[in-house]
């Protein structure tokens, strides 16, 4: 009987030790799963990944400055297309009026020269 009691005490001690380990693990998981811990870990991962992406974008921009400048110029021209078109139309109208005026003046000059020589 003594050996059974001793075995029972040893088994209870092992059980209690195992239970203590499991309870410690559960507490550790609870601490890691707390909203603050989850938020902190997520923000660290996001900031790390966004920092890496920003570095990669910076390196790509450094390697392709000409392409980026051309793209920026194209975007600016596209955004300003209506004012530019209006400017060209206005210039075209003004040049058309000047051409008409010049043509009329030239005809008058030719007529005057023709009258003088006649």
Protein backbone atom coordinates (compact mmCIF):
# COMPACT_ATOMS: atom_id res chain seq x y z
CA UNK A 1 0.00 0.00 0.00
CA UNK A 2 2.81 2.32 0.75
CA UNK A 3 4.12 2.12 -2.74
CA UNK A 4 0.63 2.86 -4.11
CA UNK A 5 0.31 5.92 -1.87
CA UNK A 6 3.76 7.07 -2.87
CA UNK A 7 2.94 6.54 -6.55
CA UNK A 8 -0.33 8.44 -6.06
CA UNK A 9 1.55 11.37 -4.47
CA UNK A 10 4.08 11.38 -7.30
CA UNK A 11 1.32 11.27 -9.90
CA UNK A 12 -0.49 14.15 -8.18
CA UNK A 13 2.76 16.15 -8.11
CA UNK A 14 3.27 15.50 -11.85
CA UNK A 15 -0.33 16.42 -12.48
CA UNK A 16 0.02 19.65 -10.51
CA UNK A 17 3.27 20.53 -12.29
CA UNK A 18 1.69 19.86 -15.68
CA UNK A 19 -1.34 21.90 -14.71
CA UNK A 20 0.89 24.80 -13.63
CA UNK A 21 2.71 24.67 -16.98
CA UNK A 22 -0.57 24.64 -18.89
CA UNK A 23 -1.98 27.52 -16.83
CA UNK A 24 1.23 29.52 -17.44
CA UNK A 25 0.93 28.84 -21.18
CA UNK A 26 -2.72 29.90 -21.17
CA UNK A 27 -1.85 33.14 -19.37
CA UNK A 28 0.93 33.80 -21.84
CA UNK A 29 -1.45 33.23 -24.78
CA UNK A 30 -4.02 35.52 -23.17
CA UNK A 31 -1.40 38.22 -22.75
CA UNK A 32 -0.29 37.85 -26.37
CA UNK A 33 -3.89 37.89 -27.58
CA UNK A 34 -4.84 41.03 -25.69
CA UNK A 35 -6.17 43.82 -27.91
CA UNK A 36 -3.25 46.10 -27.06
CA UNK A 37 -0.68 43.43 -27.94
CA UNK A 38 -2.49 42.58 -31.18
CA UNK A 39 -2.66 46.25 -32.13
CA UNK A 40 1.01 46.80 -31.33
CA UNK A 41 2.14 43.77 -33.33
CA UNK A 42 -0.06 44.67 -36.29
CA UNK A 43 1.18 48.26 -36.35
CA UNK A 44 4.80 47.06 -36.18
CA UNK A 45 4.24 44.70 -39.11
CA UNK A 46 2.40 47.30 -41.17
CA UNK A 47 4.97 50.00 -40.51
CA UNK A 48 7.77 47.58 -41.33
CA UNK A 49 6.15 46.49 -44.58
CA UNK A 50 5.20 50.04 -45.58
CA UNK A 51 8.74 51.17 -44.82
CA UNK A 52 10.08 48.39 -47.04
CA UNK A 53 7.64 49.30 -49.80
CA UNK A 54 8.60 52.97 -49.52
CA UNK A 55 12.29 52.09 -49.78
CA UNK A 56 11.63 49.92 -52.84
CA UNK A 57 9.59 52.70 -54.46
CA UNK A 58 12.38 55.18 -53.74
CA UNK A 59 14.95 52.89 -55.33
CA UNK A 60 12.71 52.37 -58.36
CA UNK A 61 12.24 56.14 -58.67
CA UNK A 62 16.00 56.69 -58.49
CA UNK A 63 16.57 54.12 -61.21
CA UNK A 64 13.87 55.51 -63.53
CA UNK A 65 13.96 59.29 -63.16
CA UNK A 66 13.46 59.92 -66.89
CA UNK A 67 10.38 57.74 -67.07
CA UNK A 68 8.90 59.34 -63.99
CA UNK A 69 9.55 62.84 -65.35
CA UNK A 70 7.92 61.91 -68.67
CA UNK A 71 4.95 60.38 -66.87
CA UNK A 72 4.57 63.43 -64.63
CA UNK A 73 4.69 65.71 -67.67
CA UNK A 74 2.09 63.63 -69.47
CA UNK A 75 -0.21 63.71 -66.45
CA UNK A 76 0.18 67.48 -66.11
CA UNK A 77 -0.55 68.01 -69.80
CA UNK A 78 -3.56 65.72 -69.60
CA UNK A 79 -4.92 67.58 -66.57
CA UNK A 80 -4.36 70.94 -68.28
CA UNK A 81 -5.70 69.82 -71.67
CA UNK A 82 -8.80 72.02 -71.66
CA UNK A 83 -7.01 75.32 -70.84
CA UNK A 84 -4.28 74.46 -73.37
CA UNK A 85 -6.87 73.68 -76.02
CA UNK A 86 -8.67 76.96 -75.30
CA UNK A 87 -5.36 78.84 -75.59
CA UNK A 88 -4.61 77.26 -78.97
CA UNK A 89 -8.12 78.04 -80.21
CA UNK A 90 -7.74 81.67 -79.13
CA UNK A 91 -4.34 81.94 -80.80
CA UNK A 92 -5.73 80.31 -83.93
CA UNK A 93 -8.58 82.81 -84.04
CA UNK A 94 -6.19 85.72 -83.55
CA UNK A 95 -3.85 84.46 -86.26
CA UNK A 96 -6.82 83.90 -88.55
CA UNK A 97 -7.96 87.50 -88.05
CA UNK A 98 -4.45 88.80 -88.69
CA UNK A 99 -4.17 86.71 -91.83
CA UNK A 100 -7.50 88.06 -93.05
CA UNK A 101 -6.41 91.64 -92.23
CA UNK A 102 -3.03 91.14 -93.90
CA UNK A 103 -4.68 89.63 -96.96
CA UNK A 104 -7.06 92.59 -97.23
CA UNK A 105 -4.16 95.05 -96.85
CA UNK A 106 -2.18 93.22 -99.50
CA UNK A 107 -5.12 93.35 -101.90
CA UNK A 108 -5.48 97.08 -101.29
CA UNK A 109 -1.75 97.59 -101.85
CA UNK A 110 -1.89 95.63 -105.08
CA UNK A 111 -4.94 97.62 -106.20
CA UNK A 112 -3.20 100.90 -105.39
CA UNK A 113 -0.08 99.87 -107.29
CA UNK A 114 -2.21 98.78 -110.21
CA UNK A 115 -4.02 102.15 -110.22
CA UNK A 116 -0.75 104.05 -110.01
CA UNK A 117 0.76 102.22 -112.94
CA UNK A 118 -2.35 102.63 -115.03
